Protein backbone atom coordinates (compact mmCIF):
# COMPACT_ATOMS: atom_id res chain seq x y z
CA MET A 1 41.04 54.37 134.22
CA LYS A 2 38.45 56.27 136.23
CA PRO A 3 38.84 60.04 136.73
CA TYR A 4 39.72 59.77 140.42
CA GLN A 5 42.33 57.13 139.58
CA GLU A 6 43.86 59.44 136.98
CA ARG A 7 44.06 62.15 139.66
CA VAL A 8 45.90 59.76 141.99
CA VAL A 9 48.39 58.91 139.24
CA ALA A 10 48.91 62.61 138.48
CA GLU A 11 49.37 63.35 142.18
CA LYS A 12 51.99 60.58 142.45
CA ASN A 13 53.84 61.97 139.44
CA ARG A 14 53.87 65.50 140.90
CA LEU A 15 55.03 64.14 144.24
CA ASP A 16 57.83 62.22 142.51
CA ASP A 17 59.07 65.50 141.02
CA LYS A 18 58.92 67.21 144.42
CA ILE A 19 60.84 64.34 146.03
CA ASP A 20 63.52 64.55 143.34
CA ASN A 21 63.80 68.32 143.77
CA LEU A 22 64.04 68.20 147.55
CA HIS A 23 66.51 65.32 147.48
CA GLY A 24 68.62 67.21 144.96
CA PHE A 25 68.49 70.34 147.07
CA LEU A 26 69.58 68.48 150.19
CA THR A 27 72.43 66.63 148.51
CA CYS A 28 73.79 69.01 145.87
CA ASN A 29 73.05 72.55 146.99
CA SER A 30 75.56 74.71 148.83
CA LEU A 31 72.68 76.58 150.50
CA ALA A 32 71.48 73.32 152.08
CA ILE A 33 74.98 72.69 153.41
CA ARG A 34 75.11 76.14 155.06
CA MET A 35 71.62 76.09 156.58
CA PRO A 36 71.17 75.43 160.29
CA LYS A 37 71.21 71.74 161.19
CA SER A 38 67.74 72.00 162.75
CA GLU A 39 66.28 73.26 159.47
CA SER A 40 68.00 70.62 157.34
CA ASN A 41 66.77 67.96 159.77
CA LEU A 42 63.21 69.20 159.29
CA LEU A 43 63.63 69.03 155.51
CA ARG A 44 64.87 65.44 155.82
CA ILE A 45 61.82 64.59 157.94
CA GLN A 46 59.65 66.19 155.25
CA LEU A 47 61.43 64.17 152.55
CA ASN A 48 60.83 60.92 154.44
CA ALA A 49 57.15 61.79 154.88
CA MET A 50 56.86 62.52 151.17
CA LYS A 51 58.43 59.15 150.36
CA THR A 52 55.95 57.40 152.66
CA TYR A 53 53.09 59.23 150.98
CA TYR A 54 54.51 58.25 147.57
CA CYS A 55 54.54 54.58 148.60
CA ALA A 56 50.90 54.81 149.68
CA LEU A 57 49.91 56.33 146.35
CA ALA A 58 51.90 53.67 144.45
CA ALA A 59 50.13 50.93 146.41
CA ARG A 60 46.76 52.46 145.62
CA ILE A 61 47.64 52.58 141.92
CA GLU A 62 48.72 48.95 142.01
CA TYR A 63 45.35 48.14 143.55
CA PHE A 64 43.64 49.97 140.66
CA HIS A 65 45.37 47.63 138.23
CA GLU A 66 44.25 44.58 140.20
CA ASP A 67 40.65 45.79 139.98
CA GLU A 68 40.92 45.95 136.18
CA GLU A 69 41.84 42.27 135.86
């Protein structure tokens, strides 16, 4: 794998951790339950954007594997 491809894979892995952490915070944290609705809505928007970004990175990585064949 080329160096820039390795960076994309590493970025996807870091993003996966961030998605897991934010999702966990929003679903299992008493602080998230008590925060203003407007703020929790913004965090949900952020989570959705992160998931979209994750899908784009995953598609790029899949394309890397097609190039190797």
